[in-house]
């Protein structure tokens, strides 16, 4: 939403690569060990993932207008 769409898409792709074999994410991720930590699976993490996918799929002029 700040106009850094390419950077957001790249970060989103990195996040998708962290999912387990059935596409689930935990509450936290430890970058040092590469392991998921905390509650698993985590609904709030998945809601944020879905919302981010939705926002990234919007035409950019709608994102800038806050739609």
N, C-alpha and C. Protein backbone atom coordinates (compact mmCIF):
# COMPACT_ATOMS: atom_id res chain seq x y z
N UNK A 1 0.82 -1.19 0.00
CA UNK A 1 0.00 0.00 0.00
C UNK A 1 0.87 1.26 0.00
N UNK A 2 2.17 1.11 0.16
CA UNK A 2 3.07 2.26 0.14
C UNK A 2 3.72 2.45 -1.22
N UNK A 3 3.27 1.66 -2.21
CA UNK A 3 3.83 1.80 -3.55
C UNK A 3 5.02 0.88 -3.81
N UNK A 4 5.34 0.01 -2.90
CA UNK A 4 6.49 -0.90 -3.05
C UNK A 4 5.98 -2.30 -3.41
N UNK A 5 5.19 -2.36 -4.49
CA UNK A 5 4.50 -3.59 -4.87
C UNK A 5 5.47 -4.73 -5.19
N UNK A 6 6.50 -4.47 -5.96
CA UNK A 6 7.45 -5.53 -6.33
C UNK A 6 8.15 -6.10 -5.09
N UNK A 7 8.52 -5.22 -4.17
CA UNK A 7 9.16 -5.66 -2.93
C UNK A 7 8.19 -6.49 -2.08
N UNK A 8 6.92 -6.07 -2.04
CA UNK A 8 5.91 -6.81 -1.28
C UNK A 8 5.68 -8.19 -1.89
N UNK A 9 5.61 -8.26 -3.21
CA UNK A 9 5.42 -9.56 -3.86
C UNK A 9 6.60 -10.49 -3.59
N UNK A 10 7.81 -9.97 -3.63
CA UNK A 10 8.99 -10.79 -3.36
C UNK A 10 8.98 -11.31 -1.92
N UNK A 11 8.63 -10.46 -0.98
CA UNK A 11 8.55 -10.88 0.42
C UNK A 11 7.44 -11.91 0.62
N UNK A 12 6.32 -11.71 -0.06
CA UNK A 12 5.21 -12.66 0.01
C UNK A 12 5.64 -14.03 -0.53
N UNK A 13 6.37 -14.06 -1.62
CA UNK A 13 6.87 -15.32 -2.18
C UNK A 13 7.83 -16.01 -1.21
N UNK A 14 8.65 -15.24 -0.52
CA UNK A 14 9.55 -15.82 0.49
C UNK A 14 8.75 -16.45 1.62
N UNK A 15 7.68 -15.78 2.03
CA UNK A 15 6.81 -16.33 3.07
C UNK A 15 6.16 -17.63 2.61
N UNK A 16 5.67 -17.65 1.40
CA UNK A 16 5.03 -18.87 0.88
C UNK A 16 6.01 -20.05 0.89
N UNK A 17 7.26 -19.79 0.65
CA UNK A 17 8.27 -20.85 0.63
C UNK A 17 8.52 -21.44 2.01
N UNK A 18 8.09 -20.76 3.06
CA UNK A 18 8.30 -21.24 4.44
C UNK A 18 7.23 -22.22 4.89
N UNK A 19 6.13 -22.34 4.14
CA UNK A 19 5.04 -23.24 4.54
C UNK A 19 5.51 -24.69 4.57
N UNK A 20 4.81 -25.49 5.33
CA UNK A 20 5.16 -26.91 5.37
C UNK A 20 4.60 -27.64 4.15
N UNK A 21 4.69 -28.96 4.14
CA UNK A 21 4.30 -29.73 2.96
C UNK A 21 2.81 -29.67 2.64
N UNK A 22 1.97 -29.28 3.58
CA UNK A 22 0.54 -29.12 3.29
C UNK A 22 0.11 -27.65 3.30
N UNK A 23 1.08 -26.74 3.27
CA UNK A 23 0.80 -25.32 3.12
C UNK A 23 0.47 -24.58 4.40
N UNK A 24 0.79 -25.16 5.55
CA UNK A 24 0.46 -24.50 6.81
C UNK A 24 1.65 -23.74 7.40
N UNK A 25 1.32 -22.74 8.21
CA UNK A 25 2.32 -21.93 8.90
C UNK A 25 2.06 -21.96 10.39
N UNK A 26 3.10 -21.79 11.16
CA UNK A 26 2.98 -21.67 12.61
C UNK A 26 2.86 -20.21 12.99
N UNK A 27 2.77 -19.97 14.28
CA UNK A 27 2.65 -18.63 14.82
C UNK A 27 3.92 -17.80 14.60
N UNK A 28 5.07 -18.45 14.69
CA UNK A 28 6.36 -17.78 14.56
C UNK A 28 7.30 -18.62 13.71
N UNK A 29 8.34 -17.98 13.20
CA UNK A 29 9.36 -18.66 12.43
C UNK A 29 10.72 -18.22 12.95
N UNK A 30 11.59 -19.19 13.22
CA UNK A 30 12.94 -18.89 13.70
C UNK A 30 13.89 -18.91 12.51
N UNK A 31 14.34 -17.74 12.05
CA UNK A 31 15.21 -17.71 10.87
C UNK A 31 16.57 -18.36 11.10
N UNK A 32 17.02 -18.38 12.35
CA UNK A 32 18.33 -18.99 12.64
C UNK A 32 18.30 -20.50 12.42
N UNK A 33 17.22 -21.14 12.87
CA UNK A 33 17.13 -22.60 12.74
C UNK A 33 16.31 -23.03 11.54
N UNK A 34 15.51 -22.12 10.99
CA UNK A 34 14.64 -22.47 9.87
C UNK A 34 13.43 -23.28 10.30
N UNK A 35 13.09 -23.21 11.59
CA UNK A 35 11.97 -23.99 12.11
C UNK A 35 10.81 -23.10 12.51
N UNK A 36 9.60 -23.67 12.38
CA UNK A 36 8.41 -22.98 12.85
C UNK A 36 8.31 -23.15 14.35
N UNK A 37 7.83 -22.09 15.02
CA UNK A 37 7.70 -22.09 16.47
C UNK A 37 6.29 -21.63 16.86
N UNK A 38 5.91 -21.90 18.07
CA UNK A 38 4.64 -21.42 18.59
C UNK A 38 3.48 -22.30 18.18
N UNK A 39 2.28 -21.75 18.28
CA UNK A 39 1.06 -22.49 17.96
C UNK A 39 1.05 -22.92 16.50
N UNK A 40 0.55 -24.12 16.27
CA UNK A 40 0.54 -24.66 14.91
C UNK A 40 -0.70 -25.51 14.71
N UNK A 41 -1.42 -25.34 13.63
CA UNK A 41 -1.36 -24.20 12.72
C UNK A 41 -1.97 -22.97 13.36
N UNK A 42 -1.62 -21.84 12.86
CA UNK A 42 -2.03 -20.57 13.46
C UNK A 42 -3.03 -19.87 12.54
N UNK A 43 -4.25 -19.68 13.00
CA UNK A 43 -5.29 -19.07 12.18
C UNK A 43 -4.97 -17.62 11.82
N UNK A 44 -4.44 -16.85 12.76
CA UNK A 44 -4.15 -15.43 12.47
C UNK A 44 -3.09 -15.30 11.39
N UNK A 45 -2.11 -16.19 11.39
CA UNK A 45 -1.07 -16.18 10.36
C UNK A 45 -1.70 -16.44 9.00
N UNK A 46 -2.61 -17.39 8.95
CA UNK A 46 -3.26 -17.73 7.68
C UNK A 46 -4.20 -16.64 7.20
N UNK A 47 -4.88 -15.98 8.14
CA UNK A 47 -5.74 -14.86 7.76
C UNK A 47 -4.91 -13.73 7.15
N UNK A 48 -3.76 -13.46 7.75
CA UNK A 48 -2.88 -12.42 7.21
C UNK A 48 -2.35 -12.82 5.84
N UNK A 49 -2.05 -14.09 5.65
CA UNK A 49 -1.57 -14.59 4.36
C UNK A 49 -2.64 -14.39 3.28
N UNK A 50 -3.87 -14.76 3.58
CA UNK A 50 -4.96 -14.61 2.62
C UNK A 50 -5.22 -13.14 2.33
N UNK A 51 -5.22 -12.30 3.36
CA UNK A 51 -5.46 -10.87 3.15
C UNK A 51 -4.35 -10.24 2.31
N UNK A 52 -3.12 -10.64 2.54
CA UNK A 52 -2.00 -10.12 1.75
C UNK A 52 -2.13 -10.55 0.29
N UNK A 53 -2.51 -11.79 0.06
CA UNK A 53 -2.71 -12.26 -1.32
C UNK A 53 -3.80 -11.44 -1.99
N UNK A 54 -4.87 -11.14 -1.26
CA UNK A 54 -5.97 -10.34 -1.81
C UNK A 54 -5.50 -8.94 -2.18
N UNK A 55 -4.77 -8.31 -1.29
CA UNK A 55 -4.30 -6.94 -1.55
C UNK A 55 -3.32 -6.92 -2.72
N UNK A 56 -2.41 -7.90 -2.78
CA UNK A 56 -1.44 -7.94 -3.87
C UNK A 56 -2.10 -8.21 -5.22
N UNK A 57 -3.29 -8.81 -5.20
CA UNK A 57 -3.97 -9.12 -6.46
C UNK A 57 -4.80 -7.94 -6.99
N UNK A 58 -4.99 -6.93 -6.17
CA UNK A 58 -5.77 -5.76 -6.59
C UNK A 58 -4.99 -4.91 -7.58
N UNK A 59 -5.68 -4.27 -8.53
CA UNK A 59 -4.99 -3.29 -9.37
C UNK A 59 -4.37 -2.21 -8.50
N UNK A 60 -3.21 -1.74 -8.85
CA UNK A 60 -2.49 -0.79 -8.00
C UNK A 60 -3.23 0.50 -7.74
N UNK A 61 -4.01 0.99 -8.68
CA UNK A 61 -4.74 2.24 -8.42
C UNK A 61 -5.79 2.07 -7.33
N UNK A 62 -6.34 0.86 -7.17
CA UNK A 62 -7.31 0.63 -6.10
C UNK A 62 -6.62 0.53 -4.75
N UNK A 63 -5.42 -0.02 -4.71
CA UNK A 63 -4.67 -0.13 -3.45
C UNK A 63 -4.33 1.28 -2.95
N UNK A 64 -3.90 2.15 -3.85
CA UNK A 64 -3.52 3.50 -3.45
C UNK A 64 -4.70 4.31 -2.96
N UNK A 65 -5.91 3.97 -3.46
CA UNK A 65 -7.10 4.67 -3.02
C UNK A 65 -7.71 4.07 -1.76
N UNK A 66 -7.10 2.98 -1.26
CA UNK A 66 -7.56 2.38 -0.04
C UNK A 66 -8.75 1.45 -0.19
N UNK A 67 -8.96 0.91 -1.37
CA UNK A 67 -10.09 0.00 -1.60
C UNK A 67 -9.73 -1.43 -1.38
